[in-house]
Amino acid sequence: DIILKPSAFSCYNDLKWLFSRFWPLTDEALHIAQLAHAGHLSNPAPGATHYYNPRITTPYWLPACDYVATIGDHVFVRERE
């Protein structure tokens, strides 16, 4: 958290530079990332601790989890307490 505070470390001052350094982003993707980072987007899978693609695998840990959400091809679950 501290390193991301405004002007704390110059390498983090410009998010566009930071993200574009590691992978190309569209302006829309960058905007969405900035909204998420600022806490302006809701969490579509609140409490999820694991995810998997059921077309590819059925994880051994799945029976110990409760369903949270499905987004696209991925199922999000949380460990039972």
PDB file of N, CA and C in Angstrom:
ATOM      1  N   ASP A   1       0.815  -1.198   0.000  1.00  0.00           N
ATOM      2  CA  ASP A   1       0.000   0.000   0.000  1.00  0.00           C
ATOM      3  C   ASP A   1       0.855   1.257   0.000  1.00  0.00           C
ATOM      4  N   ILE A   2       1.915   1.264   0.751  1.00  0.00           N
ATOM      5  CA  ILE A   2       2.728   2.473   0.867  1.00  0.00           C
ATOM      6  C   ILE A   2       3.381   2.830  -0.460  1.00  0.00           C
ATOM      7  N   ILE A   3       3.894   1.841  -1.174  1.00  0.00           N
ATOM      8  CA  ILE A   3       4.585   2.184  -2.419  1.00  0.00           C
ATOM      9  C   ILE A   3       3.647   2.741  -3.478  1.00  0.00           C
ATOM     10  N   LEU A   4       2.350   2.487  -3.362  1.00  0.00           N
ATOM     11  CA  LEU A   4       1.400   2.997  -4.348  1.00  0.00           C
ATOM     12  C   LEU A   4       0.825   4.361  -3.980  1.00  0.00           C
ATOM     13  N   LYS A   5       1.206   4.913  -2.840  1.00  0.00           N
ATOM     14  CA  LYS A   5       0.728   6.251  -2.477  1.00  0.00           C
ATOM     15  C   LYS A   5       1.272   7.260  -3.492  1.00  0.00           C
ATOM     16  N   PRO A   6       0.485   8.287  -3.816  1.00  0.00           N
ATOM     17  CA  PRO A   6       0.897   9.270  -4.829  1.00  0.00           C
ATOM     18  C   PRO A   6       2.296   9.824  -4.572  1.00  0.00           C
ATOM     19  N   SER A   7       3.137   9.727  -5.584  1.00  0.00           N
ATOM     20  CA  SER A   7       4.509  10.262  -5.591  1.00  0.00           C
ATOM     21  C   SER A   7       5.461   9.590  -4.604  1.00  0.00           C
ATOM     22  N   ALA A   8       5.067   8.475  -3.988  1.00  0.00           N
ATOM     23  CA  ALA A   8       5.962   7.789  -3.055  1.00  0.00           C
ATOM     24  C   ALA A   8       7.161   7.189  -3.792  1.00  0.00           C
ATOM     25  N   PHE A   9       6.920   6.551  -4.914  1.00  0.00           N
ATOM     26  CA  PHE A   9       7.966   5.977  -5.746  1.00  0.00           C
ATOM     27  C   PHE A   9       7.653   6.339  -7.185  1.00  0.00           C
ATOM     28  N   SER A  10       8.590   6.993  -7.848  1.00  0.00           N
ATOM     29  CA  SER A  10       8.317   7.542  -9.181  1.00  0.00           C
ATOM     30  C   SER A  10       7.927   6.477 -10.200  1.00  0.00           C
ATOM     31  N   CYS A  11       8.402   5.261 -10.035  1.00  0.00           N
ATOM     32  CA  CYS A  11       8.065   4.230 -11.020  1.00  0.00           C
ATOM     33  C   CYS A  11       6.582   3.895 -11.004  1.00  0.00           C
ATOM     34  N   TYR A  12       5.874   4.251  -9.928  1.00  0.00           N
ATOM     35  CA  TYR A  12       4.447   3.968  -9.839  1.00  0.00           C
ATOM     36  C   TYR A  12       3.579   5.196 -10.088  1.00  0.00           C
ATOM     37  N   ASN A  13       4.169   6.339 -10.395  1.00  0.00           N
ATOM     38  CA  ASN A  13       3.391   7.564 -10.579  1.00  0.00           C
ATOM     39  C   ASN A  13       2.450   7.485 -11.767  1.00  0.00           C
ATOM     40  N   ASP A  14       2.882   6.876 -12.839  1.00  0.00           N
ATOM     41  CA  ASP A  14       2.081   6.818 -14.055  1.00  0.00           C
ATOM     42  C   ASP A  14       1.637   5.377 -14.278  1.00  0.00           C
ATOM     43  N   LEU A  15       0.381   5.061 -13.960  1.00  0.00           N
ATOM     44  CA  LEU A  15      -0.105   3.684 -14.099  1.00  0.00           C
ATOM     45  C   LEU A  15      -0.027   3.196 -15.532  1.00  0.00           C
ATOM     46  N   LYS A  16      -0.233   4.077 -16.498  1.00  0.00           N
ATOM     47  CA  LYS A  16      -0.170   3.664 -17.896  1.00  0.00           C
ATOM     48  C   LYS A  16       1.230   3.131 -18.214  1.00  0.00           C
ATOM     49  N   TRP A  17       2.257   3.811 -17.744  1.00  0.00           N
ATOM     50  CA  TRP A  17       3.624   3.349 -17.967  1.00  0.00           C
ATOM     51  C   TRP A  17       3.846   2.011 -17.278  1.00  0.00           C
ATOM     52  N   LEU A  18       3.386   1.897 -16.041  1.00  0.00           N
ATOM     53  CA  LEU A  18       3.584   0.665 -15.284  1.00  0.00           C
ATOM     54  C   LEU A  18       2.966  -0.528 -15.997  1.00  0.00           C
ATOM     55  N   PHE A  19       1.698  -0.403 -16.381  1.00  0.00           N
ATOM     56  CA  PHE A  19       1.022  -1.524 -17.017  1.00  0.00           C
ATOM     57  C   PHE A  19       1.568  -1.811 -18.409  1.00  0.00           C
ATOM     58  N   SER A  20       1.833  -0.791 -19.204  1.00  0.00           N
ATOM     59  CA  SER A  20       2.285  -1.018 -20.573  1.00  0.00           C
ATOM     60  C   SER A  20       3.669  -1.632 -20.608  1.00  0.00           C
ATOM     61  N   ARG A  21       4.398  -1.495 -19.534  1.00  0.00           N
ATOM     62  CA  ARG A  21       5.728  -2.085 -19.479  1.00  0.00           C
ATOM     63  C   ARG A  21       5.657  -3.610 -19.472  1.00  0.00           C
ATOM     64  N   PHE A  22       4.605  -4.165 -18.901  1.00  0.00           N
ATOM     65  CA  PHE A  22       4.505  -5.607 -18.756  1.00  0.00           C
ATOM     66  C   PHE A  22       3.621  -6.274 -19.802  1.00  0.00           C
ATOM     67  N   TRP A  23       2.631  -5.591 -20.306  1.00  0.00           N
ATOM     68  CA  TRP A  23       1.798  -6.142 -21.357  1.00  0.00           C
ATOM     69  C   TRP A  23       1.032  -5.001 -22.023  1.00  0.00           C
ATOM     70  N   PRO A  24       0.696  -5.170 -23.274  1.00  0.00           N
ATOM     71  CA  PRO A  24      -0.053  -4.097 -23.944  1.00  0.00           C
ATOM     72  C   PRO A  24      -1.494  -4.059 -23.449  1.00  0.00           C
ATOM     73  N   LEU A  25      -1.987  -2.865 -23.194  1.00  0.00           N
ATOM     74  CA  LEU A  25      -3.359  -2.687 -22.738  1.00  0.00           C
ATOM     75  C   LEU A  25      -4.108  -1.757 -23.676  1.00  0.00           C
ATOM     76  N   THR A  26      -5.362  -2.022 -23.833  1.00  0.00           N
ATOM     77  CA  THR A  26      -6.190  -1.060 -24.540  1.00  0.00           C
ATOM     78  C   THR A  26      -6.547   0.038 -23.549  1.00  0.00           C
ATOM     79  N   ASP A  27      -6.971   1.181 -24.037  1.00  0.00           N
ATOM     80  CA  ASP A  27      -7.383   2.264 -23.147  1.00  0.00           C
ATOM     81  C   ASP A  27      -8.539   1.824 -22.257  1.00  0.00           C
ATOM     82  N   GLU A  28      -9.450   1.012 -22.804  1.00  0.00           N
ATOM     83  CA  GLU A  28     -10.590   0.536 -22.018  1.00  0.00           C
ATOM     84  C   GLU A  28     -10.125  -0.358 -20.870  1.00  0.00           C
ATOM     85  N   ALA A  29      -9.193  -1.267 -21.147  1.00  0.00           N
ATOM     86  CA  ALA A  29      -8.686  -2.159 -20.105  1.00  0.00           C
ATOM     87  C   ALA A  29      -7.968  -1.361 -19.015  1.00  0.00           C
ATOM     88  N   LEU A  30      -7.208  -0.357 -19.410  1.00  0.00           N
ATOM     89  CA  LEU A  30      -6.522   0.479 -18.436  1.00  0.00           C
ATOM     90  C   LEU A  30      -7.533   1.222 -17.568  1.00  0.00           C
ATOM     91  N   HIS A  31      -8.574   1.744 -18.176  1.00  0.00           N
ATOM     92  CA  HIS A  31      -9.610   2.464 -17.432  1.00  0.00           C
ATOM     93  C   HIS A  31     -10.283   1.540 -16.412  1.00  0.00           C
ATOM     94  N   ILE A  32     -10.608   0.331 -16.817  1.00  0.00           N
ATOM     95  CA  ILE A  32     -11.236  -0.636 -15.913  1.00  0.00           C
ATOM     96  C   ILE A  32     -10.291  -0.979 -14.762  1.00  0.00           C
ATOM     97  N   ALA A  33      -9.014  -1.174 -15.058  1.00  0.00           N
ATOM     98  CA  ALA A  33      -8.037  -1.472 -14.007  1.00  0.00           C
ATOM     99  C   ALA A  33      -7.929  -0.316 -13.020  1.00  0.00           C
ATOM    100  N   GLN A  34      -7.948   0.907 -13.521  1.00  0.00           N
ATOM    101  CA  GLN A  34      -7.871   2.069 -12.633  1.00  0.00           C
ATOM    102  C   GLN A  34      -9.112   2.164 -11.746  1.00  0.00           C
ATOM    103  N   LEU A  35     -10.286   1.894 -12.306  1.00  0.00           N
ATOM    104  CA  LEU A  35     -11.517   1.906 -11.504  1.00  0.00           C
ATOM    105  C   LEU A  35     -11.467   0.844 -10.407  1.00  0.00           C
ATOM    106  N   ALA A  36     -11.007  -0.355 -10.763  1.00  0.00           N
ATOM    107  CA  ALA A  36     -10.914  -1.439  -9.779  1.00  0.00           C
ATOM    108  C   ALA A  36      -9.919  -1.080  -8.681  1.00  0.00           C
ATOM    109  N   HIS A  37      -8.774  -0.561  -9.075  1.00  0.00           N
ATOM    110  CA  HIS A  37      -7.738  -0.192  -8.105  1.00  0.00           C
ATOM    111  C   HIS A  37      -8.240   0.883  -7.146  1.00  0.00           C
ATOM    112  N   ALA A  38      -9.064   1.785  -7.632  1.00  0.00           N
ATOM    113  CA  ALA A  38      -9.598   2.870  -6.804  1.00  0.00           C
ATOM    114  C   ALA A  38     -10.807   2.432  -5.971  1.00  0.00           C
ATOM    115  N   GLY A  39     -11.250   1.183  -6.143  1.00  0.00           N
ATOM    116  CA  GLY A  39     -12.370   0.667  -5.366  1.00  0.00           C
ATOM    117  C   GLY A  39     -13.733   1.077  -5.883  1.00  0.00           C
ATOM    118  N   HIS A  40     -13.820   1.447  -7.158  1.00  0.00           N
ATOM    119  CA  HIS A  40     -15.089   1.903  -7.732  1.00  0.00           C
ATOM    120  C   HIS A  40     -15.889   0.803  -8.429  1.00  0.00           C
ATOM    121  N   LEU A  41     -15.394  -0.420  -8.425  1.00  0.00           N
ATOM    122  CA  LEU A  41     -16.113  -1.529  -9.055  1.00  0.00           C
ATOM    123  C   LEU A  41     -16.512  -2.539  -7.984  1.00  0.00           C
ATOM    124  N   SER A  42     -17.661  -3.153  -8.171  1.00  0.00           N
ATOM    125  CA  SER A  42     -18.078  -4.183  -7.225  1.00  0.00           C
ATOM    126  C   SER A  42     -17.336  -5.481  -7.528  1.00  0.00           C
ATOM    127  N   ASN A  43     -17.209  -6.312  -6.530  1.00  0.00           N
ATOM    128  CA  ASN A  43     -16.540  -7.597  -6.675  1.00  0.00           C
ATOM    129  C   ASN A  43     -17.558  -8.612  -7.181  1.00  0.00           C
ATOM    130  N   PRO A  44     -17.386  -9.157  -8.381  1.00  0.00           N
ATOM    131  CA  PRO A  44     -18.364 -10.099  -8.917  1.00  0.00           C
ATOM    132  C   PRO A  44     -18.312 -11.482  -8.262  1.00  0.00           C
ATOM    133  N   ALA A  45     -17.283 -11.727  -7.459  1.00  0.00           N
ATOM    134  CA  ALA A  45     -17.156 -13.016  -6.765  1.00  0.00           C
ATOM    135  C   ALA A  45     -16.691 -12.775  -5.332  1.00  0.00           C
ATOM    136  N   PRO A  46     -17.509 -12.093  -4.523  1.00  0.00           N
ATOM    137  CA  PRO A  46     -17.074 -11.743  -3.171  1.00  0.00           C
ATOM    138  C   PRO A  46     -16.797 -12.965  -2.303  1.00  0.00           C
ATOM    139  N   GLY A  47     -15.659 -12.948  -1.656  1.00  0.00           N
ATOM    140  CA  GLY A  47     -15.286 -14.034  -0.763  1.00  0.00           C
ATOM    141  C   GLY A  47     -14.643 -15.228  -1.443  1.00  0.00           C
ATOM    142  N   ALA A  48     -14.540 -15.206  -2.753  1.00  0.00           N
ATOM    143  CA  ALA A  48     -13.947 -16.348  -3.462  1.00  0.00           C
ATOM    144  C   ALA A  48     -12.486 -16.513  -3.066  1.00  0.00           C
ATOM    145  N   THR A  49     -12.101 -17.750  -2.840  1.00  0.00           N
ATOM    146  CA  THR A  49     -10.713 -18.060  -2.507  1.00  0.00           C
ATOM    147  C   THR A  49     -10.056 -18.933  -3.569  1.00  0.00           C
ATOM    148  N   HIS A  50     -10.879 -19.541  -4.432  1.00  0.00           N
ATOM    149  CA  HIS A  50     -10.368 -20.427  -5.475  1.00  0.00           C
ATOM    150  C   HIS A  50     -11.220 -20.259  -6.734  1.00  0.00           C
ATOM    151  N   TYR A  51     -10.653 -20.638  -7.866  1.00  0.00           N
ATOM    152  CA  TYR A  51     -11.442 -20.699  -9.092  1.00  0.00           C
ATOM    153  C   TYR A  51     -10.911 -21.833  -9.962  1.00  0.00           C
ATOM    154  N   TYR A  52     -11.749 -22.282 -10.878  1.00  0.00           N
ATOM    155  CA  TYR A  52     -11.347 -23.349 -11.793  1.00  0.00           C
ATOM    156  C   TYR A  52     -12.241 -23.313 -13.018  1.00  0.00           C
ATOM    157  N   ASN A  53     -11.812 -24.005 -14.053  1.00  0.00           N
ATOM    158  CA  ASN A  53     -12.595 -24.141 -15.277  1.00  0.00           C
ATOM    159  C   ASN A  53     -13.123 -25.576 -15.314  1.00  0.00           C
ATOM    160  N   PRO A  54     -14.425 -25.768 -15.129  1.00  0.00           N
ATOM    161  CA  PRO A  54     -14.969 -27.128 -15.052  1.00  0.00           C
ATOM    162  C   PRO A  54     -14.849 -27.912 -16.354  1.00  0.00           C
ATOM    163  N   ARG A  55     -14.618 -27.237 -17.473  1.00  0.00           N
ATOM    164  CA  ARG A  55     -14.419 -27.964 -18.736  1.00  0.00           C
ATOM    165  C   ARG A  55     -13.034 -28.593 -18.793  1.00  0.00           C
ATOM    166  N   ILE A  56     -12.142 -28.133 -17.920  1.00  0.00           N
ATOM    167  CA  ILE A  56     -10.762 -28.611 -17.944  1.00  0.00           C
ATOM    168  C   ILE A  56     -10.452 -29.545 -16.781  1.00  0.00           C
ATOM    169  N   THR A  57     -11.001 -29.254 -15.601  1.00  0.00           N
ATOM    170  CA  THR A  57     -10.632 -30.018 -14.414  1.00  0.00           C
ATOM    171  C   THR A  57     -11.731 -29.987 -13.354  1.00  0.00           C
ATOM    172  N   THR A  58     -11.679 -30.954 -12.474  1.00  0.00           N
ATOM    173  CA  THR A  58     -12.471 -30.939 -11.246  1.00  0.00           C
ATOM    174  C   THR A  58     -11.462 -31.044 -10.110  1.00  0.00           C
ATOM    175  N   PRO A  59     -11.169 -29.941  -9.445  1.00  0.00           N
ATOM    176  CA  PRO A  59     -10.113 -29.938  -8.436  1.00  0.00           C
ATOM    177  C   PRO A  59     -10.428 -30.836  -7.240  1.00  0.00           C
ATOM    178  N   TYR A  60      -9.393 -31.423  -6.672  1.00  0.00           N
ATOM    179  CA  TYR A  60      -9.567 -32.306  -5.516  1.00  0.00           C
ATOM    180  C   TYR A  60     -10.140 -31.555  -4.316  1.00  0.00           C
ATOM    181  N   TRP A  61      -9.899 -30.247  -4.227  1.00  0.00           N
ATOM    182  CA  TRP A  61     -10.342 -29.447  -3.087  1.00  0.00           C
ATOM    183  C   TRP A  61     -11.779 -28.954  -3.212  1.00  0.00           C
ATOM    184  N   LEU A  62     -12.424 -29.196  -4.328  1.00  0.00           N
ATOM    185  CA  LEU A  62     -13.762 -28.673  -4.576  1.00  0.00           C
ATOM    186  C   LEU A  62     -14.809 -29.101  -3.539  1.00  0.00           C
ATOM    187  N   PRO A  63     -14.829 -30.352  -3.071  1.00  0.00           N
ATOM    188  CA  PRO A  63     -15.852 -30.738  -2.090  1.00  0.00           C
ATOM    189  C   PRO A  63     -15.801 -29.940  -0.782  1.00  0.00           C
ATOM    190  N   ALA A  64     -14.681 -29.312  -0.487  1.00  0.00           N
ATOM    191  CA  ALA A  64     -14.545 -28.528   0.746  1.00  0.00           C
ATOM    192  C   ALA A  64     -14.907 -27.057   0.536  1.00  0.00           C
ATOM    193  N   CYS A  65     -15.555 -26.753  -0.595  1.00  0.00           N
ATOM    194  CA  CYS A  65     -15.851 -25.360  -0.933  1.00  0.00           C
ATOM    195  C   CYS A  65     -17.332 -25.134  -1.200  1.00  0.00           C
ATOM    196  N   ASP A  66     -17.739 -23.876  -1.071  1.00  0.00           N
ATOM    197  CA  ASP A  66     -19.092 -23.439  -1.411  1.00  0.00           C
ATOM    198  C   ASP A  66     -19.036 -22.579  -2.664  1.00  0.00           C
ATOM    199  N   TYR A  67     -20.042 -22.721  -3.495  1.00  0.00           N
ATOM    200  CA  TYR A  67     -20.135 -21.962  -4.743  1.00  0.00           C
ATOM    201  C   TYR A  67     -20.302 -20.468  -4.464  1.00  0.00           C
ATOM    202  N   VAL A  68     -19.621 -19.627  -5.251  1.00  0.00           N
ATOM    203  CA  VAL A  68     -19.760 -18.172  -5.149  1.00  0.00           C
ATOM    204  C   VAL A  68     -20.349 -17.600  -6.433  1.00  0.00           C
ATOM    205  N   ALA A  69     -19.730 -17.894  -7.580  1.00  0.00           N
ATOM    206  CA  ALA A  69     -20.194 -17.302  -8.838  1.00  0.00           C
ATOM    207  C   ALA A  69     -19.567 -18.015 -10.020  1.00  0.00           C
ATOM    208  N   THR A  70     -20.187 -17.836 -11.170  1.00  0.00           N
ATOM    209  CA  THR A  70     -19.607 -18.275 -12.436  1.00  0.00           C
ATOM    210  C   THR A  70     -19.414 -17.041 -13.291  1.00  0.00           C
ATOM    211  N   ILE A  71     -18.211 -16.878 -13.812  1.00  0.00           N
ATOM    212  CA  ILE A  71     -17.896 -15.761 -14.694  1.00  0.00           C
ATOM    213  C   ILE A  71     -17.221 -16.354 -15.921  1.00  0.00           C
ATOM    214  N   GLY A  72     -17.912 -16.253 -17.043  1.00  0.00           N
ATOM    215  CA  GLY A  72     -17.367 -16.850 -18.256  1.00  0.00           C
ATOM    216  C   GLY A  72     -17.220 -18.345 -18.079  1.00  0.00           C
ATOM    217  N   ASP A  73     -16.028 -18.853 -18.342  1.00  0.00           N
ATOM    218  CA  ASP A  73     -15.760 -20.288 -18.228  1.00  0.00           C
ATOM    219  C   ASP A  73     -15.268 -20.702 -16.841  1.00  0.00           C
ATOM    220  N   HIS A  74     -15.195 -19.764 -15.903  1.00  0.00           N
ATOM    221  CA  HIS A  74     -14.612 -20.061 -14.603  1.00  0.00           C
ATOM    222  C   HIS A  74     -15.648 -20.050 -13.486  1.00  0.00           C
ATOM    223  N   VAL A  75     -15.501 -21.001 -12.581  1.00  0.00           N
ATOM    224  CA  VAL A  75     -16.352 -21.096 -11.398  1.00  0.00           C
ATOM    225  C   VAL A  75     -15.515 -20.636 -10.203  1.00  0.00           C
ATOM    226  N   PHE A  76     -16.089 -19.745  -9.410  1.00  0.00           N
ATOM    227  CA  PHE A  76     -15.422 -19.213  -8.223  1.00  0.00           C
ATOM    228  C   PHE A  76     -16.088 -19.796  -6.983  1.00  0.00           C
ATOM    229  N   VAL A  77     -15.268 -20.236  -6.040  1.00  0.00           N
ATOM    230  CA  VAL A  77     -15.751 -20.870  -4.817  1.00  0.00           C
ATOM    231  C   VAL A  77     -14.983 -20.307  -3.621  1.00  0.00           C
ATOM    232  N   ARG A  78     -15.494 -20.597  -2.416  1.00  0.00           N
ATOM    233  CA  ARG A  78     -14.764 -20.219  -1.205  1.00  0.00           C
ATOM    234  C   ARG A  78     -14.644 -21.437  -0.308  1.00  0.00           C
ATOM    235  N   GLU A  79     -13.539 -21.510   0.382  1.00  0.00           N
ATOM    236  CA  GLU A  79     -13.345 -22.605   1.332  1.00  0.00           C
ATOM    237  C   GLU A  79     -14.381 -22.513   2.435  1.00  0.00           C
ATOM    238  N   ARG A  80     -14.946 -23.654   2.797  1.00  0.00           N
ATOM    239  CA  ARG A  80     -15.883 -23.724   3.910  1.00  0.00           C
ATOM    240  C   ARG A  80     -15.125 -23.519   5.214  1.00  0.00           C
ATOM    241  N   GLU A  81     -15.734 -22.803   6.134  1.00  0.00           N
ATOM    242  CA  GLU A  81     -15.062 -22.569   7.432  1.00  0.00           C
ATOM    243  C   GLU A  81     -15.385 -23.648   8.419  1.00  0.00           C
TER     244      GLU A  81
END
